[in-house]
């Protein structure tokens, strides 16, 4: 009986040692995968930053597409949207032309983004007959597609996309996928590190979604 107990105890010890080794391998693998994920995500954020500072400066545009962003429940524009509108005002001052403001009504928004943006630009002094509100689109692809449909009927051929700097490269990539001959300019994201990080991290994930839809045919 003593020999059997010793054999059983030895076997249990071997099994415990094997389990510890397996657990150790799993922990090392998890750490490795986590590090790879962090490095990959950091690379994506770097890609976003690189792309946004390498957009060619615009020239010779004959119209503008201003992409929507959140409207606050009070009816005031979010910080991001205000920056986009300010950039549109600057570009209109350089070259007056028709503007399409884009965006449907989202949750907790008092009205469609495109409509609110149009009203704000008119308040800022732009002529009402130069601004068209597009209120049926809920994402960047639809924004650009619907705005281009409006502008092409007006005989416009060289629209300028106005959006946030971090969002601009992906917007231009989507426009190219739709065969829309655009150029673009971005409003600076300049409201502190936390705001910068939040938007750039989110945009990095948006590129993953874009590539998944474009190259893998995923429905995301």
Protein backbone atom coordinates (compact mmCIF):
# COMPACT_ATOMS: atom_id res chain seq x y z
CA UNK A 1 0.00 0.00 0.00
CA UNK A 2 2.87 2.36 0.82
CA UNK A 3 4.44 1.87 -2.61
CA UNK A 4 1.11 2.47 -4.31
CA UNK A 5 0.57 5.65 -2.32
CA UNK A 6 4.03 6.87 -3.25
CA UNK A 7 3.33 6.15 -6.92
CA UNK A 8 0.01 7.98 -6.74
CA UNK A 9 1.60 10.93 -4.97
CA UNK A 10 4.39 11.02 -7.55
CA UNK A 11 1.84 10.92 -10.36
CA UNK A 12 -0.14 13.73 -8.78
CA UNK A 13 3.01 15.80 -8.46
CA UNK A 14 3.87 15.19 -12.10
CA UNK A 15 0.35 16.18 -13.15
CA UNK A 16 0.52 19.32 -11.01
CA UNK A 17 3.88 20.22 -12.50
CA UNK A 18 2.49 19.66 -15.99
CA UNK A 19 -0.50 21.83 -15.20
CA UNK A 20 1.78 24.59 -13.92
CA UNK A 21 3.84 24.39 -17.09
CA UNK A 22 0.72 24.51 -19.26
CA UNK A 23 -0.61 27.45 -17.28
CA UNK A 24 2.73 29.20 -17.60
CA UNK A 25 2.70 28.69 -21.38
CA UNK A 26 -0.85 30.04 -21.57
CA UNK A 27 0.09 33.11 -19.54
CA UNK A 28 3.13 33.76 -21.73
CA UNK A 29 1.01 33.32 -24.85
CA UNK A 30 -1.64 35.71 -23.50
CA UNK A 31 1.04 38.30 -22.68
CA UNK A 32 2.55 37.88 -26.14
CA UNK A 33 -0.83 38.31 -27.83
CA UNK A 34 -1.59 41.34 -25.68
CA UNK A 35 1.74 42.93 -26.58
CA UNK A 36 1.16 42.19 -30.27
CA UNK A 37 -2.29 43.77 -30.02
CA UNK A 38 -0.94 46.89 -28.34
CA UNK A 39 1.83 47.24 -30.91
CA UNK A 40 -0.60 46.69 -33.80
CA UNK A 41 -3.05 49.24 -32.43
CA UNK A 42 -0.25 51.75 -31.87
CA UNK A 43 0.76 51.17 -35.49
CA UNK A 44 -2.80 51.87 -36.62
CA UNK A 45 -2.89 55.14 -34.66
CA UNK A 46 0.44 56.04 -36.20
CA UNK A 47 -1.01 55.30 -39.62
CA UNK A 48 -3.93 57.66 -38.94
CA UNK A 49 -1.53 60.40 -37.83
CA UNK A 50 0.71 59.90 -40.85
CA UNK A 51 -2.18 59.98 -43.29
CA UNK A 52 -3.75 63.14 -41.89
CA UNK A 53 -0.57 65.20 -42.27
CA UNK A 54 0.06 63.98 -45.82
CA UNK A 55 -3.20 65.07 -47.43
CA UNK A 56 -2.36 67.38 -50.36
CA UNK A 57 -3.53 70.99 -49.92
CA UNK A 58 -6.71 71.72 -51.88
CA UNK A 59 -6.88 73.82 -55.01
CA UNK A 60 -9.41 74.77 -57.65
CA UNK A 61 -12.54 73.37 -55.93
CA UNK A 62 -15.97 74.35 -57.22
CA UNK A 63 -18.15 73.12 -54.32
CA UNK A 64 -17.93 71.78 -50.79
CA UNK A 65 -19.19 68.75 -48.89
CA UNK A 66 -19.20 69.36 -45.13
CA UNK A 67 -19.51 66.08 -43.24
CA UNK A 68 -21.73 66.02 -40.19
CA UNK A 69 -20.92 65.49 -36.52
CA UNK A 70 -22.93 65.50 -33.32
CA UNK A 71 -25.49 68.20 -32.62
CA UNK A 72 -26.08 68.65 -28.89
CA UNK A 73 -29.61 68.26 -27.44
CA UNK A 74 -29.64 72.06 -26.98
CA UNK A 75 -29.31 72.50 -30.73
CA UNK A 76 -25.75 73.80 -30.43
CA UNK A 77 -23.01 72.14 -32.46
CA UNK A 78 -20.54 69.86 -30.73
CA UNK A 79 -16.98 71.13 -30.57
CA UNK A 80 -16.00 68.90 -33.47
CA UNK A 81 -18.88 70.10 -35.64
CA UNK A 82 -18.16 73.75 -34.84
CA UNK A 83 -14.58 73.28 -36.01
CA UNK A 84 -15.76 71.74 -39.28
CA UNK A 85 -18.12 74.63 -39.88
CA UNK A 86 -15.40 77.16 -39.08
CA UNK A 87 -13.14 75.49 -41.65
CA UNK A 88 -15.96 75.59 -44.21
CA UNK A 89 -16.35 79.33 -43.57
CA UNK A 90 -12.64 79.87 -44.20
CA UNK A 91 -12.71 77.87 -47.42
CA UNK A 92 -15.87 79.64 -48.62
CA UNK A 93 -14.17 82.97 -47.99
CA UNK A 94 -11.32 81.89 -50.23
CA UNK A 95 -13.62 80.64 -52.97
CA UNK A 96 -17.42 81.12 -52.72
CA UNK A 97 -19.25 78.06 -54.03
CA UNK A 98 -22.23 75.80 -53.29
CA UNK A 99 -22.03 73.83 -50.04
CA UNK A 100 -23.79 70.59 -49.13
CA UNK A 101 -24.10 70.01 -45.38
CA UNK A 102 -24.55 66.32 -44.59
CA UNK A 103 -26.13 64.22 -41.91
CA UNK A 104 -29.35 62.66 -40.70
CA UNK A 105 -30.82 63.04 -37.23
CA UNK A 106 -29.13 60.86 -34.62
CA UNK A 107 -30.16 59.86 -31.15
CA UNK A 108 -30.71 62.80 -28.76
CA UNK A 109 -30.28 65.29 -31.60
CA UNK A 110 -33.08 67.86 -31.96
CA UNK A 111 -32.92 67.88 -35.77
CA UNK A 112 -30.96 66.48 -38.70
CA UNK A 113 -27.29 67.41 -38.64
CA UNK A 114 -27.37 68.65 -42.23
CA UNK A 115 -30.23 71.03 -41.47
CA UNK A 116 -28.66 72.38 -38.27
CA UNK A 117 -25.35 72.90 -40.06
CA UNK A 118 -27.06 74.84 -42.85
CA UNK A 119 -28.81 77.10 -40.34
CA UNK A 120 -25.56 77.73 -38.48
CA UNK A 121 -23.69 78.67 -41.65
CA UNK A 122 -26.49 81.06 -42.61
CA UNK A 123 -26.22 82.62 -39.12
CA UNK A 124 -22.52 83.01 -39.80
CA UNK A 125 -23.35 85.10 -42.87
CA UNK A 126 -23.31 82.72 -45.81
CA UNK A 127 -26.06 83.15 -48.43
CA UNK A 128 -28.93 80.66 -48.02
CA UNK A 129 -29.08 79.90 -51.75
CA UNK A 130 -25.52 78.58 -51.61
CA UNK A 131 -26.16 75.95 -48.92
CA UNK A 132 -28.05 72.70 -49.43
CA UNK A 133 -28.89 70.43 -46.49
CA UNK A 134 -28.62 66.69 -47.15
CA UNK A 135 -30.43 64.98 -44.29
CA UNK A 136 -30.81 61.35 -45.31
CA UNK A 137 -27.33 59.91 -44.73
CA UNK A 138 -26.13 58.17 -41.58
CA UNK A 139 -22.48 57.42 -42.32
CA UNK A 140 -19.55 58.84 -44.26
CA UNK A 141 -20.16 56.73 -47.35
CA UNK A 142 -23.77 57.88 -47.66
CA UNK A 143 -22.74 61.49 -46.86
CA UNK A 144 -20.39 61.56 -49.83
CA UNK A 145 -22.60 59.57 -52.19
CA UNK A 146 -25.70 61.68 -51.55
CA UNK A 147 -23.83 64.99 -51.61
CA UNK A 148 -22.13 64.10 -54.88
CA UNK A 149 -25.51 63.23 -56.40
CA UNK A 150 -26.71 66.75 -55.51
CA UNK A 151 -23.59 68.54 -56.71
CA UNK A 152 -23.22 66.63 -59.96
CA UNK A 153 -26.77 67.67 -60.90
CA UNK A 154 -25.65 71.25 -60.39
CA UNK A 155 -22.81 70.68 -62.83
CA UNK A 156 -20.10 70.72 -60.17
CA UNK A 157 -17.05 68.56 -60.80
CA UNK A 158 -14.44 69.27 -58.11
CA UNK A 159 -15.95 69.11 -54.62
CA UNK A 160 -13.91 69.77 -51.50
CA UNK A 161 -14.60 67.52 -48.50
CA UNK A 162 -14.48 69.37 -45.18
CA UNK A 163 -14.24 67.26 -42.04
CA UNK A 164 -11.96 66.70 -39.04
CA UNK A 165 -8.26 66.19 -39.76
CA UNK A 166 -8.12 62.62 -38.41
CA UNK A 167 -11.25 61.66 -40.39
CA UNK A 168 -10.23 63.23 -43.70
CA UNK A 169 -7.95 60.48 -45.15
CA UNK A 170 -10.62 57.80 -44.70
CA UNK A 171 -13.28 60.11 -46.14
CA UNK A 172 -11.09 60.65 -49.21
CA UNK A 173 -10.51 56.89 -49.51
CA UNK A 174 -14.27 56.29 -49.45
CA UNK A 175 -14.77 59.03 -52.05
CA UNK A 176 -12.21 57.32 -54.29
CA UNK A 177 -14.08 54.00 -53.87
CA UNK A 178 -17.22 55.81 -55.06
CA UNK A 179 -15.37 57.42 -58.01
CA UNK A 180 -16.06 60.88 -56.62
CA UNK A 181 -13.26 63.26 -57.75
CA UNK A 182 -12.70 64.95 -54.42
CA UNK A 183 -9.97 66.71 -52.55
CA UNK A 184 -10.19 67.67 -48.91
CA UNK A 185 -9.20 69.75 -45.94
CA UNK A 186 -9.45 68.96 -42.24
CA UNK A 187 -10.23 71.04 -39.18
CA UNK A 188 -7.62 70.59 -36.46
CA UNK A 189 -8.41 68.41 -33.46
CA UNK A 190 -6.95 70.66 -30.80
CA UNK A 191 -8.92 70.27 -27.59
CA UNK A 192 -6.32 68.57 -25.41
CA UNK A 193 -4.61 65.18 -25.32
CA UNK A 194 -7.61 63.23 -24.03
CA UNK A 195 -9.88 64.50 -26.82
CA UNK A 196 -7.13 63.92 -29.40
CA UNK A 197 -6.52 60.37 -28.19
CA UNK A 198 -10.20 59.45 -28.07
CA UNK A 199 -10.83 60.53 -31.67
CA UNK A 200 -7.62 59.09 -33.11
CA UNK A 201 -8.12 55.75 -31.32
CA UNK A 202 -11.67 55.56 -32.61
CA UNK A 203 -10.54 56.46 -36.12
CA UNK A 204 -7.94 53.66 -36.02
CA UNK A 205 -10.75 51.18 -35.34
CA UNK A 206 -12.82 52.78 -38.12
CA UNK A 207 -10.01 52.00 -40.59
CA UNK A 208 -10.16 48.34 -39.55
CA UNK A 209 -13.89 48.37 -40.25
CA UNK A 210 -13.32 50.11 -43.59
CA UNK A 211 -10.72 47.52 -44.69
CA UNK A 212 -12.94 44.67 -43.51
CA UNK A 213 -15.84 45.92 -45.62
CA UNK A 214 -13.73 46.78 -48.67
CA UNK A 215 -11.35 43.85 -48.86
CA UNK A 216 -13.17 41.04 -47.04
CA UNK A 217 -16.76 41.89 -47.88
CA UNK A 218 -17.74 41.90 -44.22
CA UNK A 219 -21.02 43.43 -43.13
CA UNK A 220 -19.90 45.52 -40.18
